[in-house]
């Protein structure tokens, strides 16, 4: 009789927990769908070809975000060209070469701590370091270097976790065949975890696209149209900074929602790309 009572209580407990989890999932999905739907409803009607392919005309009152799109592209390319070699190289050294495990643990703890620091602090520190110590001016390059500092822990930790998933037997087998350390890393370890490295890279792109606070201090607000090298040495507004400027300073909420819709579409595309790339390399590794 007591067992039946316990069984009923357990069934009631399980049913209650399932109900609570269902409510939590429903609320989360509803919030996500509401935000996406609201931004798309407000922003998509304001996206025009003229908006995407022209630059602002301050005398004529014309609004265009082509410089902001190019500035975003420039800063993404510059940040990735610096952060990927540093992050992947540091992860390889810490996982495959470092002998002092205490030092490795300290570096890992420090990188995890850096990942949780608010981005506006990175902007303030970047402004102090690159402007005062290195004598740089407000530019996309200063913003890109600040984003490198921000994304370095993410790339390094993601690569580290991917390297750890490669079985130790693969390394031992390669060593048994007479391969050197670097050859084992290059031909056995890296191909076995390339999906995680690419995933970390794409996630970094998503964080760079969505960053604004750090760039307010370092990259500036200019909407000038430049080529890649001129753009890096000049101040410029990315899409997120342009959204802030149009909404906060100019009161152009239609343009702000159009930029928000573009960023939302890019975020969805990045998430789909992460899923596709991860599944592709997992299938390829299992063949």
C-alpha atoms as a PDB file:
ATOM      1  CA  UNK A   1       0.000   0.000   0.000  1.00  0.00           C
ATOM      2  CA  UNK A   2       2.861   2.315   0.864  1.00  0.00           C
ATOM      3  CA  UNK A   3       4.600   1.515  -2.440  1.00  0.00           C
ATOM      4  CA  UNK A   4       1.453   2.448  -4.363  1.00  0.00           C
ATOM      5  CA  UNK A   5       1.286   5.776  -2.497  1.00  0.00           C
ATOM      6  CA  UNK A   6       4.939   6.499  -3.302  1.00  0.00           C
ATOM      7  CA  UNK A   7       4.356   5.537  -6.911  1.00  0.00           C
ATOM      8  CA  UNK A   8       1.411   7.942  -7.179  1.00  0.00           C
ATOM      9  CA  UNK A   9       3.433  10.752  -5.609  1.00  0.00           C
ATOM     10  CA  UNK A  10       6.295  10.072  -8.017  1.00  0.00           C
ATOM     11  CA  UNK A  11       3.955  10.079 -11.013  1.00  0.00           C
ATOM     12  CA  UNK A  12       2.430  13.353  -9.827  1.00  0.00           C
ATOM     13  CA  UNK A  13       5.908  14.823  -9.356  1.00  0.00           C
ATOM     14  CA  UNK A  14       7.006  13.750 -12.859  1.00  0.00           C
ATOM     15  CA  UNK A  15       3.787  15.099 -14.388  1.00  0.00           C
ATOM     16  CA  UNK A  16       4.240  18.418 -12.575  1.00  0.00           C
ATOM     17  CA  UNK A  17       7.871  18.751 -13.691  1.00  0.00           C
ATOM     18  CA  UNK A  18       6.928  17.976 -17.286  1.00  0.00           C
ATOM     19  CA  UNK A  19       4.244  20.644 -17.116  1.00  0.00           C
ATOM     20  CA  UNK A  20       6.693  23.220 -15.738  1.00  0.00           C
ATOM     21  CA  UNK A  21       9.302  22.369 -18.392  1.00  0.00           C
ATOM     22  CA  UNK A  22       6.647  22.594 -21.087  1.00  0.00           C
ATOM     23  CA  UNK A  23       5.615  26.029 -19.838  1.00  0.00           C
ATOM     24  CA  UNK A  24       9.259  27.167 -19.747  1.00  0.00           C
ATOM     25  CA  UNK A  25       9.866  25.943 -23.307  1.00  0.00           C
ATOM     26  CA  UNK A  26       6.661  27.588 -24.522  1.00  0.00           C
ATOM     27  CA  UNK A  27       7.536  30.936 -22.949  1.00  0.00           C
ATOM     28  CA  UNK A  28      11.065  30.830 -24.393  1.00  0.00           C
ATOM     29  CA  UNK A  29       9.868  29.950 -27.893  1.00  0.00           C
ATOM     30  CA  UNK A  30       7.122  32.580 -27.716  1.00  0.00           C
ATOM     31  CA  UNK A  31       9.618  35.297 -26.735  1.00  0.00           C
ATOM     32  CA  UNK A  32      12.014  34.356 -29.526  1.00  0.00           C
ATOM     33  CA  UNK A  33       9.257  34.232 -32.136  1.00  0.00           C
ATOM     34  CA  UNK A  34       7.795  37.536 -30.890  1.00  0.00           C
ATOM     35  CA  UNK A  35      11.152  39.342 -31.101  1.00  0.00           C
ATOM     36  CA  UNK A  36      11.928  37.944 -34.551  1.00  0.00           C
ATOM     37  CA  UNK A  37       8.417  38.618 -35.836  1.00  0.00           C
ATOM     38  CA  UNK A  38       8.263  42.135 -34.422  1.00  0.00           C
ATOM     39  CA  UNK A  39      11.671  43.141 -35.814  1.00  0.00           C
ATOM     40  CA  UNK A  40      10.896  41.636 -39.215  1.00  0.00           C
ATOM     41  CA  UNK A  41       7.447  43.245 -39.324  1.00  0.00           C
ATOM     42  CA  UNK A  42       8.904  46.660 -38.541  1.00  0.00           C
ATOM     43  CA  UNK A  43      12.116  46.334 -40.537  1.00  0.00           C
ATOM     44  CA  UNK A  44      11.513  44.390 -43.753  1.00  0.00           C
ATOM     45  CA  UNK A  45       9.149  46.971 -45.343  1.00  0.00           C
ATOM     46  CA  UNK A  46      11.868  49.629 -44.875  1.00  0.00           C
ATOM     47  CA  UNK A  47      14.643  47.657 -46.593  1.00  0.00           C
ATOM     48  CA  UNK A  48      15.059  49.045 -50.100  1.00  0.00           C
ATOM     49  CA  UNK A  49      17.689  48.716 -52.785  1.00  0.00           C
ATOM     50  CA  UNK A  50      18.497  52.396 -52.427  1.00  0.00           C
ATOM     51  CA  UNK A  51      19.079  51.966 -48.690  1.00  0.00           C
ATOM     52  CA  UNK A  52      21.493  49.076 -49.251  1.00  0.00           C
ATOM     53  CA  UNK A  53      23.489  50.543 -52.136  1.00  0.00           C
ATOM     54  CA  UNK A  54      23.940  54.243 -51.309  1.00  0.00           C
ATOM     55  CA  UNK A  55      25.794  56.307 -48.743  1.00  0.00           C
ATOM     56  CA  UNK A  56      24.232  59.004 -46.578  1.00  0.00           C
ATOM     57  CA  UNK A  57      23.822  62.398 -48.200  1.00  0.00           C
ATOM     58  CA  UNK A  58      23.944  64.958 -45.428  1.00  0.00           C
ATOM     59  CA  UNK A  59      22.938  67.853 -47.671  1.00  0.00           C
ATOM     60  CA  UNK A  60      20.187  66.043 -49.558  1.00  0.00           C
ATOM     61  CA  UNK A  61      18.935  64.121 -46.502  1.00  0.00           C
ATOM     62  CA  UNK A  62      19.422  60.774 -48.274  1.00  0.00           C
ATOM     63  CA  UNK A  63      19.931  57.767 -46.020  1.00  0.00           C
ATOM     64  CA  UNK A  64      22.052  54.804 -47.078  1.00  0.00           C
ATOM     65  CA  UNK A  65      23.874  52.095 -45.163  1.00  0.00           C
ATOM     66  CA  UNK A  66      26.342  50.867 -47.794  1.00  0.00           C
ATOM     67  CA  UNK A  67      29.336  52.323 -45.849  1.00  0.00           C
ATOM     68  CA  UNK A  68      28.105  50.604 -42.686  1.00  0.00           C
ATOM     69  CA  UNK A  69      27.803  47.258 -44.482  1.00  0.00           C
ATOM     70  CA  UNK A  70      31.327  47.583 -45.877  1.00  0.00           C
ATOM     71  CA  UNK A  71      32.704  48.695 -42.496  1.00  0.00           C
ATOM     72  CA  UNK A  72      31.148  45.623 -40.899  1.00  0.00           C
ATOM     73  CA  UNK A  73      32.739  43.412 -43.550  1.00  0.00           C
ATOM     74  CA  UNK A  74      36.137  45.089 -43.116  1.00  0.00           C
ATOM     75  CA  UNK A  75      36.157  44.736 -39.347  1.00  0.00           C
ATOM     76  CA  UNK A  76      35.061  41.083 -39.509  1.00  0.00           C
ATOM     77  CA  UNK A  77      37.857  40.220 -41.951  1.00  0.00           C
ATOM     78  CA  UNK A  78      40.504  42.126 -39.980  1.00  0.00           C
ATOM     79  CA  UNK A  79      39.484  40.613 -36.644  1.00  0.00           C
ATOM     80  CA  UNK A  80      39.373  37.042 -37.994  1.00  0.00           C
ATOM     81  CA  UNK A  81      42.758  37.345 -39.702  1.00  0.00           C
ATOM     82  CA  UNK A  82      44.296  38.129 -36.317  1.00  0.00           C
ATOM     83  CA  UNK A  83      42.226  36.151 -33.825  1.00  0.00           C
ATOM     84  CA  UNK A  84      42.158  32.790 -35.643  1.00  0.00           C
ATOM     85  CA  UNK A  85      45.938  32.189 -35.803  1.00  0.00           C
ATOM     86  CA  UNK A  86      46.344  33.421 -32.220  1.00  0.00           C
ATOM     87  CA  UNK A  87      43.425  31.459 -30.783  1.00  0.00           C
ATOM     88  CA  UNK A  88      44.033  28.197 -32.642  1.00  0.00           C
ATOM     89  CA  UNK A  89      47.793  28.388 -32.064  1.00  0.00           C
ATOM     90  CA  UNK A  90      47.363  29.021 -28.334  1.00  0.00           C
ATOM     91  CA  UNK A  91      44.895  26.135 -28.050  1.00  0.00           C
ATOM     92  CA  UNK A  92      47.260  23.751 -29.853  1.00  0.00           C
ATOM     93  CA  UNK A  93      50.142  24.729 -27.595  1.00  0.00           C
ATOM     94  CA  UNK A  94      48.139  24.415 -24.365  1.00  0.00           C
ATOM     95  CA  UNK A  95      46.634  21.060 -25.360  1.00  0.00           C
ATOM     96  CA  UNK A  96      49.471  19.342 -27.187  1.00  0.00           C
ATOM     97  CA  UNK A  97      52.739  20.915 -26.048  1.00  0.00           C
ATOM     98  CA  UNK A  98      52.408  22.566 -22.615  1.00  0.00           C
ATOM     99  CA  UNK A  99      53.918  20.474 -19.804  1.00  0.00           C
ATOM    100  CA  UNK A 100      53.010  22.657 -16.821  1.00  0.00           C
ATOM    101  CA  UNK A 101      49.408  21.664 -16.118  1.00  0.00           C
ATOM    102  CA  UNK A 102      48.991  24.256 -13.377  1.00  0.00           C
ATOM    103  CA  UNK A 103      49.888  27.030 -15.806  1.00  0.00           C
ATOM    104  CA  UNK A 104      47.441  25.592 -18.339  1.00  0.00           C
ATOM    105  CA  UNK A 105      44.689  25.541 -15.687  1.00  0.00           C
ATOM    106  CA  UNK A 106      45.423  29.175 -14.770  1.00  0.00           C
ATOM    107  CA  UNK A 107      45.281  30.269 -18.428  1.00  0.00           C
ATOM    108  CA  UNK A 108      42.023  28.370 -18.968  1.00  0.00           C
ATOM    109  CA  UNK A 109      40.500  29.982 -15.877  1.00  0.00           C
ATOM    110  CA  UNK A 110      41.667  33.410 -17.043  1.00  0.00           C
ATOM    111  CA  UNK A 111      40.177  32.895 -20.519  1.00  0.00           C
ATOM    112  CA  UNK A 112      36.845  31.812 -19.045  1.00  0.00           C
ATOM    113  CA  UNK A 113      36.868  34.903 -16.835  1.00  0.00           C
ATOM    114  CA  UNK A 114      37.606  37.144 -19.821  1.00  0.00           C
ATOM    115  CA  UNK A 115      34.645  35.624 -21.685  1.00  0.00           C
ATOM    116  CA  UNK A 116      32.271  36.957 -19.026  1.00  0.00           C
ATOM    117  CA  UNK A 117      33.534  40.537 -18.899  1.00  0.00           C
ATOM    118  CA  UNK A 118      31.018  43.107 -20.284  1.00  0.00           C
ATOM    119  CA  UNK A 119      31.928  44.299 -23.747  1.00  0.00           C
ATOM    120  CA  UNK A 120      31.845  47.975 -22.826  1.00  0.00           C
ATOM    121  CA  UNK A 121      34.809  47.345 -20.494  1.00  0.00           C
ATOM    122  CA  UNK A 122      36.706  45.905 -23.447  1.00  0.00           C
ATOM    123  CA  UNK A 123      35.935  49.099 -25.331  1.00  0.00           C
ATOM    124  CA  UNK A 124      37.222  51.256 -22.498  1.00  0.00           C
ATOM    125  CA  UNK A 125      40.396  49.160 -22.118  1.00  0.00           C
ATOM    126  CA  UNK A 126      40.906  49.105 -25.893  1.00  0.00           C
ATOM    127  CA  UNK A 127      40.619  52.881 -26.031  1.00  0.00           C
ATOM    128  CA  UNK A 128      43.166  53.270 -23.238  1.00  0.00           C
ATOM    129  CA  UNK A 129      45.661  50.779 -24.695  1.00  0.00           C
ATOM    130  CA  UNK A 130      45.517  51.510 -28.418  1.00  0.00           C
ATOM    131  CA  UNK A 131      45.025  55.272 -28.167  1.00  0.00           C
ATOM    132  CA  UNK A 132      47.224  56.245 -25.239  1.00  0.00           C
ATOM    133  CA  UNK A 133      49.988  53.602 -25.343  1.00  0.00           C
ATOM    134  CA  UNK A 134      50.212  52.942 -29.083  1.00  0.00           C
ATOM    135  CA  UNK A 135      49.180  56.365 -30.306  1.00  0.00           C
ATOM    136  CA  UNK A 136      46.451  55.087 -32.627  1.00  0.00           C
ATOM    137  CA  UNK A 137      43.463  57.166 -33.629  1.00  0.00           C
ATOM    138  CA  UNK A 138      39.806  56.207 -33.777  1.00  0.00           C
ATOM    139  CA  UNK A 139      39.633  53.669 -36.606  1.00  0.00           C
ATOM    140  CA  UNK A 140      38.245  50.318 -37.677  1.00  0.00           C
ATOM    141  CA  UNK A 141      41.660  48.773 -36.996  1.00  0.00           C
ATOM    142  CA  UNK A 142      41.484  49.836 -33.344  1.00  0.00           C
ATOM    143  CA  UNK A 143      37.982  48.381 -33.183  1.00  0.00           C
ATOM    144  CA  UNK A 144      39.146  45.151 -34.820  1.00  0.00           C
ATOM    145  CA  UNK A 145      42.020  44.784 -32.336  1.00  0.00           C
ATOM    146  CA  UNK A 146      39.591  45.309 -29.464  1.00  0.00           C
ATOM    147  CA  UNK A 147      37.332  42.607 -30.898  1.00  0.00           C
ATOM    148  CA  UNK A 148      40.365  40.320 -31.176  1.00  0.00           C
ATOM    149  CA  UNK A 149      40.898  40.655 -27.424  1.00  0.00           C
ATOM    150  CA  UNK A 150      37.211  39.942 -26.853  1.00  0.00           C
ATOM    151  CA  UNK A 151      36.992  36.869 -29.082  1.00  0.00           C
ATOM    152  CA  UNK A 152      40.389  35.326 -28.342  1.00  0.00           C
ATOM    153  CA  UNK A 153      39.129  33.395 -25.259  1.00  0.00           C
ATOM    154  CA  UNK A 154      36.158  32.049 -27.224  1.00  0.00           C
ATOM    155  CA  UNK A 155      38.244  30.797 -30.143  1.00  0.00           C
ATOM    156  CA  UNK A 156      40.918  29.360 -27.847  1.00  0.00           C
ATOM    157  CA  UNK A 157      38.518  27.504 -25.545  1.00  0.00           C
ATOM    158  CA  UNK A 158      36.389  26.182 -28.406  1.00  0.00           C
ATOM    159  CA  UNK A 159      39.483  24.859 -30.171  1.00  0.00           C
ATOM    160  CA  UNK A 160      40.795  23.355 -26.953  1.00  0.00           C
ATOM    161  CA  UNK A 161      37.601  21.424 -26.332  1.00  0.00           C
ATOM    162  CA  UNK A 162      37.631  20.205 -29.929  1.00  0.00           C
ATOM    163  CA  UNK A 163      41.248  19.037 -29.625  1.00  0.00           C
ATOM    164  CA  UNK A 164      40.388  17.101 -26.471  1.00  0.00           C
ATOM    165  CA  UNK A 165      37.693  15.131 -28.324  1.00  0.00           C
ATOM    166  CA  UNK A 166      40.295  13.487 -30.580  1.00  0.00           C
ATOM    167  CA  UNK A 167      41.047  10.058 -29.037  1.00  0.00           C
ATOM    168  CA  UNK A 168      44.506   9.643 -27.558  1.00  0.00           C
ATOM    169  CA  UNK A 169      44.843   6.345 -29.427  1.00  0.00           C
ATOM    170  CA  UNK A 170      45.019   8.289 -32.714  1.00  0.00           C
ATOM    171  CA  UNK A 171      48.057  10.172 -31.461  1.00  0.00           C
ATOM    172  CA  UNK A 172      49.711   7.044 -30.085  1.00  0.00           C
ATOM    173  CA  UNK A 173      49.149   5.201 -33.357  1.00  0.00           C
ATOM    174  CA  UNK A 174      50.744   8.042 -35.335  1.00  0.00           C
ATOM    175  CA  UNK A 175      53.692   8.181 -32.939  1.00  0.00           C
ATOM    176  CA  UNK A 176      54.077   4.416 -33.302  1.00  0.00           C
ATOM    177  CA  UNK A 177      54.443   4.849 -37.068  1.00  0.00           C
ATOM    178  CA  UNK A 178      57.341   7.244 -36.484  1.00  0.00           C
ATOM    179  CA  UNK A 179      55.586  10.580 -37.037  1.00  0.00           C
ATOM    180  CA  UNK A 180      56.872  13.657 -35.230  1.00  0.00           C
ATOM    181  CA  UNK A 181      54.846  15.803 -32.851  1.00  0.00           C
ATOM    182  CA  UNK A 182      53.961  18.557 -35.329  1.00  0.00           C
ATOM    183  CA  UNK A 183      53.157  16.032 -38.059  1.00  0.00           C
ATOM    184  CA  UNK A 184      50.777  14.228 -35.707  1.00  0.00           C
ATOM    185  CA  UNK A 185      49.075  17.514 -34.816  1.00  0.00           C
ATOM    186  CA  UNK A 186      48.861  18.634 -38.446  1.00  0.00           C
ATOM    187  CA  UNK A 187      47.747  15.383 -40.077  1.00  0.00           C
ATOM    188  CA  UNK A 188      45.861  13.546 -37.304  1.00  0.00           C
ATOM    189  CA  UNK A 189      44.638  15.887 -34.576  1.00  0.00           C
ATOM    190  CA  UNK A 190      43.540  18.974 -36.537  1.00  0.00           C
ATOM    191  CA  UNK A 191      41.593  17.066 -39.238  1.00  0.00           C
ATOM    192  CA  UNK A 192      39.764  15.226 -36.466  1.00  0.00           C
ATOM    193  CA  UNK A 193      38.515  18.405 -34.789  1.00  0.00           C
ATOM    194  CA  UNK A 194      38.176  20.832 -37.704  1.00  0.00           C
ATOM    195  CA  UNK A 195      34.410  21.004 -37.181  1.00  0.00           C
ATOM    196  CA  UNK A 196      34.853  22.506 -33.725  1.00  0.00           C
ATOM    197  CA  UNK A 197      37.420  25.013 -34.971  1.00  0.00           C
ATOM    198  CA  UNK A 198      35.123  26.180 -37.770  1.00  0.00           C
ATOM    199  CA  UNK A 199      32.206  26.380 -35.351  1.00  0.00           C
ATOM    200  CA  UNK A 200      34.231  28.623 -33.043  1.00  0.00           C
ATOM    201  CA  UNK A 201      35.182  30.786 -36.012  1.00  0.00           C
ATOM    202  CA  UNK A 202      31.583  31.227 -37.109  1.00  0.00           C
ATOM    203  CA  UNK A 203      30.444  31.977 -33.555  1.00  0.00           C
ATOM    204  CA  UNK A 204      33.140  34.658 -33.384  1.00  0.00           C
ATOM    205  CA  UNK A 205      31.748  36.190 -36.575  1.00  0.00           C
ATOM    206  CA  UNK A 206      28.333  36.308 -34.940  1.00  0.00           C
ATOM    207  CA  UNK A 207      29.717  38.060 -31.879  1.00  0.00           C
ATOM    208  CA  UNK A 208      31.618  40.562 -34.019  1.00  0.00           C
ATOM    209  CA  UNK A 209      28.478  41.339 -36.028  1.00  0.00           C
ATOM    210  CA  UNK A 210      26.453  41.974 -32.899  1.00  0.00           C
ATOM    211  CA  UNK A 211      29.008  44.063 -31.022  1.00  0.00           C
ATOM    212  CA  UNK A 212      28.434  47.770 -30.542  1.00  0.00           C
ATOM    213  CA  UNK A 213      29.511  48.853 -27.045  1.00  0.00           C
ATOM    214  CA  UNK A 214      33.212  48.149 -27.579  1.00  0.00           C
ATOM    215  CA  UNK A 215      33.191  49.817 -30.992  1.00  0.00           C
ATOM    216  CA  UNK A 216      31.621  53.029 -29.704  1.00  0.00           C
ATOM    217  CA  UNK A 217      34.932  53.854 -27.983  1.00  0.00           C
ATOM    218  CA  UNK A 218      37.339  52.607 -30.645  1.00  0.00           C
ATOM    219  CA  UNK A 219      35.881  52.540 -34.177  1.00  0.00           C
ATOM    220  CA  UNK A 220      33.836  55.727 -34.250  1.00  0.00           C
ATOM    221  CA  UNK A 221      30.583  56.799 -35.918  1.00  0.00           C
ATOM    222  CA  UNK A 222      31.618  57.871 -39.432  1.00  0.00           C
ATOM    223  CA  UNK A 223      29.539  56.772 -42.445  1.00  0.00           C
ATOM    224  CA  UNK A 224      32.269  57.366 -45.029  1.00  0.00           C
ATOM    225  CA  UNK A 225      32.722  55.077 -48.026  1.00  0.00           C
ATOM    226  CA  UNK A 226      36.300  53.730 -48.272  1.00  0.00           C
ATOM    227  CA  UNK A 227      38.176  50.763 -49.670  1.00  0.00           C
ATOM    228  CA  UNK A 228      39.579  48.092 -47.341  1.00  0.00           C
ATOM    229  CA  UNK A 229      42.933  49.683 -46.449  1.00  0.00           C
ATOM    230  CA  UNK A 230      41.585  53.219 -46.174  1.00  0.00           C
ATOM    231  CA  UNK A 231      38.655  51.942 -44.166  1.00  0.00           C
ATOM    232  CA  UNK A 232      40.859  50.214 -41.595  1.00  0.00           C
ATOM    233  CA  UNK A 233      42.814  53.405 -40.956  1.00  0.00           C
ATOM    234  CA  UNK A 234      39.689  55.600 -40.781  1.00  0.00           C
ATOM    235  CA  UNK A 235      36.822  55.826 -38.289  1.00  0.00           C
ATOM    236  CA  UNK A 236      33.671  54.034 -39.345  1.00  0.00           C
ATOM    237  CA  UNK A 237      30.344  52.788 -38.054  1.00  0.00           C
ATOM    238  CA  UNK A 238      29.383  49.123 -38.313  1.00  0.00           C
ATOM    239  CA  UNK A 239      25.755  48.071 -38.702  1.00  0.00           C
ATOM    240  CA  UNK A 240      25.194  47.786 -34.955  1.00  0.00           C
ATOM    241  CA  UNK A 241      26.747  51.196 -34.274  1.00  0.00           C
ATOM    242  CA  UNK A 242      24.741  52.689 -37.157  1.00  0.00           C
ATOM    243  CA  UNK A 243      21.580  51.237 -35.627  1.00  0.00           C
ATOM    244  CA  UNK A 244      22.409  52.984 -32.349  1.00  0.00           C
ATOM    245  CA  UNK A 245      23.175  56.283 -34.096  1.00  0.00           C
ATOM    246  CA  UNK A 246      20.023  56.293 -36.238  1.00  0.00           C
ATOM    247  CA  UNK A 247      17.768  55.310 -33.328  1.00  0.00           C
ATOM    248  CA  UNK A 248      19.330  57.320 -30.488  1.00  0.00           C
ATOM    249  CA  UNK A 249      20.718  60.461 -32.096  1.00  0.00           C
ATOM    250  CA  UNK A 250      18.794  60.904 -35.351  1.00  0.00           C
ATOM    251  CA  UNK A 251      15.434  59.421 -34.345  1.00  0.00           C
ATOM    252  CA  UNK A 252      15.264  57.451 -37.635  1.00  0.00           C
ATOM    253  CA  UNK A 253      13.517  54.404 -36.195  1.00  0.00           C
ATOM    254  CA  UNK A 254      12.481  53.086 -39.607  1.00  0.00           C
ATOM    255  CA  UNK A 255      16.114  52.864 -40.673  1.00  0.00           C
ATOM    256  CA  UNK A 256      17.030  51.422 -37.277  1.00  0.00           C
ATOM    257  CA  UNK A 257      14.459  48.645 -37.640  1.00  0.00           C
ATOM    258  CA  UNK A 258      15.658  47.965 -41.194  1.00  0.00           C
ATOM    259  CA  UNK A 259      19.211  47.515 -39.903  1.00  0.00           C
ATOM    260  CA  UNK A 260      17.894  45.363 -37.056  1.00  0.00           C
ATOM    261  CA  UNK A 261      16.106  43.130 -39.563  1.00  0.00           C
ATOM    262  CA  UNK A 262      19.306  42.787 -41.605  1.00  0.00           C
ATOM    263  CA  UNK A 263      21.265  41.838 -38.477  1.00  0.00           C
ATOM    264  CA  UNK A 264      18.569  39.368 -37.487  1.00  0.00           C
ATOM    265  CA  UNK A 265      18.744  37.707 -40.896  1.00  0.00           C
ATOM    266  CA  UNK A 266      22.541  37.528 -40.680  1.00  0.00           C
ATOM    267  CA  UNK A 267      22.286  35.971 -37.194  1.00  0.00           C
ATOM    268  CA  UNK A 268      19.883  33.301 -38.417  1.00  0.00           C
ATOM    269  CA  UNK A 269      22.134  32.568 -41.382  1.00  0.00           C
ATOM    270  CA  UNK A 270      25.162  32.254 -39.087  1.00  0.00           C
ATOM    271  CA  UNK A 271      23.320  29.826 -36.784  1.00  0.00           C
ATOM    272  CA  UNK A 272      22.209  27.735 -39.766  1.00  0.00           C
ATOM    273  CA  UNK A 273      25.770  27.764 -41.099  1.00  0.00           C
ATOM    274  CA  UNK A 274      27.113  26.540 -37.742  1.00  0.00           C
ATOM    275  CA  UNK A 275      24.616  23.666 -37.750  1.00  0.00           C
ATOM    276  CA  UNK A 276      25.306  22.753 -41.374  1.00  0.00           C
ATOM    277  CA  UNK A 277      29.097  22.855 -41.023  1.00  0.00           C
ATOM    278  CA  UNK A 278      29.034  20.855 -37.799  1.00  0.00           C
ATOM    279  CA  UNK A 279      26.828  18.145 -39.291  1.00  0.00           C
ATOM    280  CA  UNK A 280      28.884  18.037 -42.504  1.00  0.00           C
ATOM    281  CA  UNK A 281      32.196  17.446 -40.753  1.00  0.00           C
ATOM    282  CA  UNK A 282      30.665  14.964 -38.300  1.00  0.00           C
ATOM    283  CA  UNK A 283      29.334  12.889 -41.209  1.00  0.00           C
ATOM    284  CA  UNK A 284      32.644  13.184 -42.999  1.00  0.00           C
ATOM    285  CA  UNK A 285      34.547  12.071 -39.904  1.00  0.00           C
ATOM    286  CA  UNK A 286      32.257   9.063 -39.409  1.00  0.00           C
ATOM    287  CA  UNK A 287      32.734   7.844 -43.020  1.00  0.00           C
END
